[in-house]
Amino acid sequence: MRLRRTPPPRRGHRAHRAATGGLHPALRCAHGTTSRALAYLPDHTRLCPHHHHWAAGPHHSLSTATLPELTRAHTSHQRLLRRADTADAWTWATAITTRWHDHSTHATLTARWQHRRHLLQATNPDVRPVTGSWTLLARDAVTYPETVTLARALATTALFPAPRHGHPHPAVRAFLNTTATALGLPHLTPPPRDLLTTWTRHHTH
């Protein structure tokens, strides 16, 4: 899976309007619009930082007023997009955090994401997920700050030297420690089949 490279949009509300065809997602949903364009918005345009709404698909726009960390992540995401090498990093980061979310890999992150989902549900009481699952509807939104953080870590990490005697180079451990801190985790030691482990294996000279 590869993410199509999309140039950074204009900042703020006008950028979001441009990406959604000139109408805020909340209004599009209210008018019954089911345009596929809304369902497949580039990830960096799914949040309107001006109105604090997240485009969760063609049928739902979620108020994120109680989640200011999403707005901060959006700002960081825009800065990240100024780099020319972010597409692969974003694809990896999205796959990794999605797997962590679905498999409850890290207790700290799972609790954090559940808390955000509960806040979204409380802030959007009238939203009824088409799939019947708030977990799926809110997944991309609740994991967004960590996905941005991880994508930045992946995009800004130099290639690791080759493994020594079958063991990862110390630079890999240093990367994991730094990334754990950035994600607010006490430690980060992914198992062999974790996608982050796969990334470190590919990210070598």
Protein backbone atom coordinates (compact mmCIF):
# COMPACT_ATOMS: atom_id res chain seq x y z
CA MET A 1 0.00 0.00 0.00
CA ARG A 2 1.39 3.40 -1.00
CA LEU A 3 0.00 6.80 -0.27
CA ARG A 4 -0.41 9.17 -3.18
CA ARG A 5 1.77 12.19 -2.73
CA THR A 6 -0.42 15.26 -2.26
CA PRO A 7 1.04 18.75 -1.96
CA PRO A 8 0.33 20.51 1.34
CA PRO A 9 -2.94 22.47 1.19
CA ARG A 10 -3.40 26.04 2.12
CA ARG A 11 -3.62 26.55 5.85
CA GLY A 12 -6.72 26.72 7.96
CA HIS A 13 -10.38 26.59 7.12
CA ARG A 14 -9.97 27.63 3.47
CA ALA A 15 -7.65 24.70 2.87
CA HIS A 16 -10.21 22.29 4.29
CA ARG A 17 -12.97 23.85 2.21
CA ALA A 18 -10.87 23.49 -0.91
CA ALA A 19 -10.20 19.83 -0.18
CA THR A 20 -13.87 19.06 0.46
CA GLY A 21 -15.26 20.79 -2.59
CA GLY A 22 -15.91 24.14 -0.90
CA LEU A 23 -18.33 22.98 1.80
CA HIS A 24 -17.61 21.97 5.37
CA PRO A 25 -18.10 18.22 6.00
CA ALA A 26 -20.71 18.89 8.68
CA LEU A 27 -22.75 20.82 6.14
CA ARG A 28 -22.23 18.21 3.44
CA CYS A 29 -23.53 15.52 5.76
CA ALA A 30 -26.43 17.67 6.91
CA HIS A 31 -27.49 18.11 3.31
CA GLY A 32 -27.33 14.39 2.69
CA THR A 33 -24.26 14.52 0.46
CA THR A 34 -22.58 11.13 0.09
CA SER A 35 -19.78 12.18 -2.21
CA ARG A 36 -16.90 9.70 -2.40
CA ALA A 37 -14.58 12.70 -2.35
CA LEU A 38 -15.32 13.14 1.34
CA ALA A 39 -14.71 9.46 2.06
CA TYR A 40 -11.26 9.56 0.52
CA LEU A 41 -9.93 12.90 1.68
CA PRO A 42 -6.16 13.00 2.09
CA ASP A 43 -5.43 12.43 5.77
CA HIS A 44 -3.90 15.89 6.22
CA THR A 45 -7.22 17.52 5.25
CA ARG A 46 -9.61 15.41 7.33
CA LEU A 47 -9.53 17.84 10.25
CA CYS A 48 -10.89 21.36 9.94
CA PRO A 49 -8.87 23.19 12.60
CA HIS A 50 -11.11 26.24 12.36
CA HIS A 51 -14.38 24.48 13.23
CA HIS A 52 -12.82 21.48 15.00
CA HIS A 53 -14.50 18.84 12.86
CA TRP A 54 -13.12 15.55 11.63
CA ALA A 55 -14.36 14.05 8.36
CA ALA A 56 -15.02 10.44 9.33
CA GLY A 57 -16.41 9.37 5.96
CA PRO A 58 -19.20 10.29 3.56
CA HIS A 59 -21.86 10.09 6.28
CA HIS A 60 -20.23 11.50 9.40
CA SER A 61 -18.43 14.63 10.57
CA LEU A 62 -17.28 14.51 14.18
CA SER A 63 -16.84 17.49 16.45
CA THR A 64 -13.37 17.35 18.00
CA ALA A 65 -13.84 20.35 20.28
CA THR A 66 -12.89 18.27 23.33
CA LEU A 67 -9.71 16.95 21.70
CA PRO A 68 -7.32 19.89 21.24
CA GLU A 69 -4.45 17.46 20.67
CA LEU A 70 -5.92 16.72 17.24
CA THR A 71 -5.55 20.36 16.25
CA ARG A 72 -1.95 20.36 17.47
CA ALA A 73 -1.31 17.17 15.52
CA HIS A 74 -2.82 18.75 12.42
CA THR A 75 -0.39 21.66 12.70
CA SER A 76 2.51 19.24 13.08
CA HIS A 77 1.23 17.24 10.11
CA GLN A 78 1.27 20.32 7.89
CA ARG A 79 4.90 20.98 8.84
CA LEU A 80 5.77 17.36 8.19
CA LEU A 81 4.34 17.59 4.68
CA ARG A 82 6.94 20.18 3.76
CA ARG A 83 9.42 17.32 3.57
CA ALA A 84 9.66 15.49 0.26
CA ASP A 85 10.02 12.05 1.83
CA THR A 86 6.92 11.76 4.01
CA ALA A 87 4.63 9.57 1.90
CA ASP A 88 6.23 6.24 2.79
CA ALA A 89 6.66 7.27 6.41
CA TRP A 90 2.99 8.20 6.64
CA THR A 91 1.90 4.92 5.08
CA TRP A 92 4.02 2.94 7.54
CA ALA A 93 2.91 5.02 10.53
CA THR A 94 -0.77 4.64 9.64
CA ALA A 95 -0.45 0.88 9.24
CA ILE A 96 1.46 0.58 12.52
CA THR A 97 -0.91 2.63 14.69
CA THR A 98 -3.94 0.95 13.11
CA ARG A 99 -2.50 -2.46 14.01
CA TRP A 100 -1.65 -1.28 17.52
CA HIS A 101 -5.18 0.04 17.91
CA ASP A 102 -6.95 -3.05 16.62
CA HIS A 103 -4.80 -5.46 18.63
CA SER A 104 -4.54 -3.31 21.79
CA THR A 105 -0.77 -3.71 21.56
CA HIS A 106 0.18 -1.02 24.08
CA ALA A 107 -1.91 -0.61 27.22
CA THR A 108 -0.97 3.06 27.55
CA LEU A 109 -2.05 3.89 24.01
CA THR A 110 -5.16 1.72 24.21
CA ALA A 111 -6.35 3.57 27.32
CA ARG A 112 -5.56 6.93 25.70
CA TRP A 113 -7.42 6.06 22.52
CA GLN A 114 -10.43 4.70 24.41
CA HIS A 115 -10.60 7.92 26.40
CA ARG A 116 -10.60 9.98 23.21
CA ARG A 117 -13.29 7.78 21.70
CA HIS A 118 -15.49 8.24 24.77
CA LEU A 119 -15.03 12.02 24.51
CA LEU A 120 -15.98 11.91 20.83
CA GLN A 121 -19.09 9.89 21.60
CA ALA A 122 -20.09 12.32 24.33
CA THR A 123 -19.47 15.32 22.06
CA ASN A 124 -21.36 13.77 19.13
CA PRO A 125 -24.41 12.14 20.77
CA ASP A 126 -26.51 12.22 17.60
CA VAL A 127 -23.98 10.35 15.47
CA ARG A 128 -24.99 6.79 14.63
CA PRO A 129 -22.16 4.96 12.85
CA VAL A 130 -23.27 3.33 9.62
CA THR A 131 -21.24 0.26 10.59
CA GLY A 132 -22.71 0.32 14.09
CA SER A 133 -19.19 0.56 15.52
CA TRP A 134 -17.86 3.68 17.17
CA THR A 135 -14.52 1.92 17.47
CA LEU A 136 -14.15 1.81 13.69
CA LEU A 137 -15.70 5.22 13.06
CA ALA A 138 -13.38 7.00 15.48
CA ARG A 139 -10.22 4.95 14.94
CA ASP A 140 -8.43 7.29 12.53
CA ALA A 141 -9.30 10.33 14.64
CA VAL A 142 -8.28 8.92 18.01
CA THR A 143 -4.97 7.58 16.68
CA TYR A 144 -4.19 10.68 14.61
CA PRO A 145 -1.85 12.43 17.07
CA GLU A 146 0.26 9.29 17.54
CA THR A 147 0.25 8.58 13.81
CA VAL A 148 1.64 12.06 13.13
CA THR A 149 4.24 11.65 15.87
CA LEU A 150 5.32 8.25 14.57
CA ALA A 151 5.39 9.43 10.96
CA ARG A 152 7.72 12.25 11.93
CA ALA A 153 9.99 9.81 13.74
CA LEU A 154 10.11 7.50 10.72
CA ALA A 155 10.63 10.30 8.21
CA THR A 156 13.47 11.93 10.14
CA THR A 157 15.41 8.79 11.10
CA ALA A 158 18.52 8.00 9.08
CA LEU A 159 19.07 4.53 7.68
CA PHE A 160 20.28 2.08 10.30
CA PRO A 161 23.62 0.30 9.87
CA ALA A 162 23.37 -3.39 9.05
CA PRO A 163 22.72 -5.80 11.95
CA ARG A 164 25.75 -7.03 13.88
CA HIS A 165 26.10 -10.79 14.27
CA GLY A 166 22.39 -11.21 13.71
CA HIS A 167 21.42 -8.54 16.24
CA PRO A 168 19.98 -5.09 15.48
CA HIS A 169 22.44 -2.23 15.52
CA PRO A 170 22.39 -0.11 18.73
CA ALA A 171 20.98 2.72 16.65
CA VAL A 172 17.72 0.78 16.44
CA ARG A 173 17.44 0.66 20.23
CA ALA A 174 18.18 4.37 20.42
CA PHE A 175 15.44 5.06 17.86
CA LEU A 176 12.93 2.97 19.81
CA ASN A 177 13.77 4.75 23.05
CA THR A 178 13.38 8.17 21.45
CA THR A 179 10.14 7.15 19.76
CA ALA A 180 8.74 5.74 23.01
CA THR A 181 9.35 9.09 24.68
CA ALA A 182 7.71 10.98 21.82
CA LEU A 183 4.64 8.70 22.04
CA GLY A 184 4.45 8.96 25.82
CA LEU A 185 5.23 5.28 26.34
CA PRO A 186 7.33 3.92 29.21
CA HIS A 187 9.23 1.71 26.75
CA LEU A 188 8.96 0.40 23.20
CA THR A 189 10.17 -3.11 22.45
CA PRO A 190 8.11 -4.36 19.52
CA PRO A 191 7.96 -8.14 19.00
CA PRO A 192 9.40 -9.71 15.82
CA ARG A 193 6.08 -9.63 13.94
CA ASP A 194 5.23 -6.05 14.86
CA LEU A 195 5.08 -3.73 11.84
CA LEU A 196 7.48 -1.33 13.52
CA THR A 197 10.02 -4.15 13.73
CA THR A 198 9.44 -4.81 10.05
CA TRP A 199 10.08 -1.15 9.30
CA THR A 200 13.39 -1.16 11.20
CA ARG A 201 14.51 -4.19 9.20
CA HIS A 202 13.72 -2.46 5.93
CA HIS A 203 15.26 0.83 7.05
CA THR A 204 18.88 -0.30 6.85
CA HIS A 205 21.85 0.36 4.60
